Each structure stands twice: as C-alpha cells, then as structure tokens.
Amino acid sequence: MVVAGHSSYWKADRGRYKTVFGNLMELDAGEEVWVYTKSSIEKSGYILHRYRVTASYNTDPTNVGVLLPD
C-alpha cells in the first residue's frame, strides 16, 4: 500500500480532515499505520487494515514512478 497526501491545507480553515496527513513524515520504519474501510459484510461496519512502515520520504509531485508496483 502507498499512502500519499499533503498537509499544506490552510490551517486557519475550520474544515474537517485538513491536517489528516500532517504528521505522516514523522513515522519511522517499523511503526504501524491503521486504516479503516467501510464493510458491507462485517457487522461492526468497518474493517481494520494494519500496515508497517518500511520507508517514508518526500518526492516531487511529478514522480509518479513511486506508485508503480515492485
């Protein structure tokens, strides 16, 4: 999984989720990221996906090669 986003949203705005990726670059290799997705099967309504960070870095927005599978 690739998690990508930006946190350059105008901080004075009161909108929701404006800094959802604000701390993404602070993650270290070995830490976990939990992602919840809606489920049409599970009674709880959500499925938890746990991912372990292997690398974290900034890249140029035009570098779409980082999204290609290995």
N, C-alpha and C. Protein backbone atom coordinates (compact mmCIF):
# COMPACT_ATOMS: atom_id res chain seq x y z
N MET A 1 0.84 -1.18 0.00
CA MET A 1 0.00 0.00 0.00
C MET A 1 0.88 1.23 0.00
N VAL A 2 0.49 2.21 -0.74
CA VAL A 2 1.16 3.51 -0.73
C VAL A 2 0.20 4.51 -0.12
N VAL A 3 0.65 5.23 0.89
CA VAL A 3 -0.14 6.30 1.49
C VAL A 3 0.49 7.60 1.04
N ALA A 4 -0.30 8.42 0.38
CA ALA A 4 0.21 9.68 -0.11
C ALA A 4 -0.79 10.78 0.20
N GLY A 5 -0.28 11.96 0.41
CA GLY A 5 -1.17 13.08 0.68
C GLY A 5 -0.36 14.33 0.94
N HIS A 6 -1.06 15.39 1.22
CA HIS A 6 -0.36 16.63 1.54
C HIS A 6 -1.01 17.25 2.76
N SER A 7 -0.24 18.06 3.45
CA SER A 7 -0.75 18.71 4.65
C SER A 7 -0.62 20.22 4.53
N SER A 8 -0.66 20.72 3.33
CA SER A 8 -0.46 22.15 3.11
C SER A 8 -1.77 22.93 3.13
N TYR A 9 -2.82 22.31 3.60
CA TYR A 9 -4.12 22.96 3.68
C TYR A 9 -4.04 24.18 4.58
N TRP A 10 -4.78 25.20 4.27
CA TRP A 10 -4.77 26.43 5.04
C TRP A 10 -5.21 26.16 6.47
N LYS A 11 -4.31 26.29 7.44
CA LYS A 11 -4.56 25.90 8.83
C LYS A 11 -5.65 26.73 9.51
N ALA A 12 -5.92 27.93 9.04
CA ALA A 12 -6.94 28.77 9.67
C ALA A 12 -8.36 28.31 9.31
N ASP A 13 -8.48 27.48 8.29
CA ASP A 13 -9.79 26.96 7.89
C ASP A 13 -10.30 26.02 8.97
N ARG A 14 -11.59 26.05 9.25
CA ARG A 14 -12.17 25.19 10.28
C ARG A 14 -12.65 23.85 9.73
N GLY A 15 -12.38 23.56 8.47
CA GLY A 15 -12.84 22.32 7.84
C GLY A 15 -12.28 21.07 8.51
N ARG A 16 -12.99 19.97 8.33
CA ARG A 16 -12.57 18.70 8.90
C ARG A 16 -11.46 18.08 8.03
N TYR A 17 -10.63 17.29 8.64
CA TYR A 17 -9.59 16.50 7.98
C TYR A 17 -8.53 17.34 7.28
N LYS A 18 -8.39 18.59 7.63
CA LYS A 18 -7.45 19.45 6.92
C LYS A 18 -5.99 19.11 7.20
N THR A 19 -5.71 18.40 8.27
CA THR A 19 -4.33 18.03 8.57
C THR A 19 -4.19 16.52 8.73
N VAL A 20 -5.02 15.75 8.03
CA VAL A 20 -5.01 14.29 8.18
C VAL A 20 -3.64 13.69 7.88
N PHE A 21 -2.85 14.28 7.00
CA PHE A 21 -1.51 13.80 6.69
C PHE A 21 -0.43 14.65 7.35
N GLY A 22 -0.81 15.51 8.27
CA GLY A 22 0.12 16.45 8.86
C GLY A 22 1.32 15.82 9.54
N ASN A 23 1.16 14.65 10.14
CA ASN A 23 2.27 14.00 10.85
C ASN A 23 2.82 12.78 10.11
N LEU A 24 2.43 12.59 8.88
CA LEU A 24 2.84 11.41 8.13
C LEU A 24 4.35 11.26 8.06
N MET A 25 5.07 12.35 7.86
CA MET A 25 6.52 12.28 7.72
C MET A 25 7.24 12.00 9.05
N GLU A 26 6.52 12.03 10.16
CA GLU A 26 7.13 11.75 11.46
C GLU A 26 7.17 10.26 11.77
N LEU A 27 6.55 9.43 10.92
CA LEU A 27 6.57 7.99 11.14
C LEU A 27 7.94 7.42 10.85
N ASP A 28 8.36 6.48 11.68
CA ASP A 28 9.63 5.80 11.49
C ASP A 28 9.39 4.39 10.97
N ALA A 29 10.40 3.83 10.29
CA ALA A 29 10.31 2.45 9.83
C ALA A 29 10.02 1.55 11.03
N GLY A 30 9.08 0.65 10.84
CA GLY A 30 8.68 -0.26 11.91
C GLY A 30 7.39 0.13 12.60
N GLU A 31 7.00 1.40 12.50
CA GLU A 31 5.74 1.83 13.11
C GLU A 31 4.56 1.36 12.26
N GLU A 32 3.38 1.34 12.89
CA GLU A 32 2.18 0.88 12.19
C GLU A 32 1.26 2.04 11.83
N VAL A 33 0.57 1.86 10.71
CA VAL A 33 -0.49 2.77 10.29
C VAL A 33 -1.75 1.93 10.22
N TRP A 34 -2.81 2.39 10.85
CA TRP A 34 -4.08 1.68 10.81
C TRP A 34 -5.03 2.43 9.88
N VAL A 35 -5.64 1.69 8.96
CA VAL A 35 -6.59 2.25 8.01
C VAL A 35 -7.90 1.49 8.16
N TYR A 36 -8.97 2.22 8.35
CA TYR A 36 -10.29 1.61 8.46
C TYR A 36 -11.05 1.84 7.15
N THR A 37 -11.67 0.77 6.64
CA THR A 37 -12.50 0.89 5.45
C THR A 37 -13.90 0.40 5.78
N LYS A 38 -14.88 0.97 5.14
CA LYS A 38 -16.26 0.54 5.36
C LYS A 38 -16.44 -0.87 4.81
N SER A 39 -17.27 -1.63 5.51
CA SER A 39 -17.52 -3.00 5.10
C SER A 39 -19.01 -3.22 4.88
N SER A 40 -19.32 -3.95 3.84
CA SER A 40 -20.71 -4.31 3.62
C SER A 40 -21.01 -5.68 4.22
N ILE A 41 -19.97 -6.35 4.76
CA ILE A 41 -20.12 -7.69 5.31
C ILE A 41 -20.03 -7.70 6.84
N GLU A 42 -19.02 -7.04 7.39
CA GLU A 42 -18.79 -7.05 8.84
C GLU A 42 -19.91 -6.31 9.57
N LYS A 43 -20.37 -6.88 10.69
CA LYS A 43 -21.43 -6.25 11.47
C LYS A 43 -20.98 -4.93 12.09
N SER A 44 -19.69 -4.83 12.41
CA SER A 44 -19.19 -3.60 13.02
C SER A 44 -19.21 -2.43 12.04
N GLY A 45 -19.27 -2.75 10.74
CA GLY A 45 -19.33 -1.70 9.73
C GLY A 45 -17.99 -1.29 9.17
N TYR A 46 -16.89 -1.71 9.84
CA TYR A 46 -15.55 -1.31 9.38
C TYR A 46 -14.60 -2.48 9.45
N ILE A 47 -13.60 -2.45 8.57
CA ILE A 47 -12.53 -3.44 8.57
C ILE A 47 -11.23 -2.71 8.86
N LEU A 48 -10.45 -3.24 9.79
CA LEU A 48 -9.16 -2.66 10.15
C LEU A 48 -8.07 -3.29 9.31
N HIS A 49 -7.27 -2.45 8.66
CA HIS A 49 -6.09 -2.88 7.89
C HIS A 49 -4.87 -2.29 8.60
N ARG A 50 -3.93 -3.16 8.98
CA ARG A 50 -2.72 -2.70 9.68
C ARG A 50 -1.52 -2.83 8.75
N TYR A 51 -0.77 -1.73 8.62
CA TYR A 51 0.40 -1.70 7.74
C TYR A 51 1.62 -1.26 8.55
N ARG A 52 2.76 -1.87 8.27
CA ARG A 52 4.00 -1.50 8.93
C ARG A 52 4.80 -0.62 7.97
N VAL A 53 5.29 0.51 8.46
CA VAL A 53 6.06 1.46 7.66
C VAL A 53 7.42 0.86 7.34
N THR A 54 7.78 0.87 6.05
CA THR A 54 9.11 0.42 5.64
C THR A 54 9.99 1.58 5.18
N ALA A 55 9.35 2.66 4.72
CA ALA A 55 10.10 3.83 4.27
C ALA A 55 9.17 5.04 4.28
N SER A 56 9.76 6.19 4.44
CA SER A 56 9.00 7.43 4.42
C SER A 56 9.88 8.53 3.86
N TYR A 57 9.41 9.22 2.83
CA TYR A 57 10.23 10.27 2.22
C TYR A 57 9.35 11.20 1.40
N ASN A 58 9.85 12.38 1.14
CA ASN A 58 9.20 13.34 0.25
C ASN A 58 9.68 13.08 -1.16
N THR A 59 8.82 13.32 -2.12
CA THR A 59 9.21 13.20 -3.52
C THR A 59 8.53 14.29 -4.33
N ASP A 60 9.06 14.55 -5.48
CA ASP A 60 8.49 15.56 -6.36
C ASP A 60 7.11 15.11 -6.84
N PRO A 61 6.13 16.00 -6.92
CA PRO A 61 4.77 15.62 -7.34
C PRO A 61 4.70 14.99 -8.73
N THR A 62 5.69 15.24 -9.56
CA THR A 62 5.68 14.65 -10.90
C THR A 62 6.28 13.25 -10.94
N ASN A 63 6.85 12.80 -9.83
CA ASN A 63 7.50 11.48 -9.78
C ASN A 63 6.45 10.40 -9.51
N VAL A 64 5.72 10.02 -10.55
CA VAL A 64 4.67 9.01 -10.39
C VAL A 64 5.26 7.60 -10.37
N GLY A 65 6.52 7.45 -10.63
CA GLY A 65 7.18 6.15 -10.59
C GLY A 65 7.13 5.50 -9.22
N VAL A 66 7.02 6.30 -8.16
CA VAL A 66 6.95 5.71 -6.81
C VAL A 66 5.66 4.94 -6.59
N LEU A 67 4.67 5.12 -7.46
CA LEU A 67 3.40 4.43 -7.32
C LEU A 67 3.36 3.10 -8.07
N LEU A 68 4.40 2.82 -8.86
CA LEU A 68 4.43 1.57 -9.63
C LEU A 68 4.74 0.39 -8.71
N PRO A 69 4.16 -0.78 -8.98
CA PRO A 69 4.46 -1.96 -8.15
C PRO A 69 5.90 -2.41 -8.34
N ASP A 70 6.43 -3.01 -7.31
CA ASP A 70 7.80 -3.56 -7.37
C ASP A 70 7.80 -4.88 -8.11
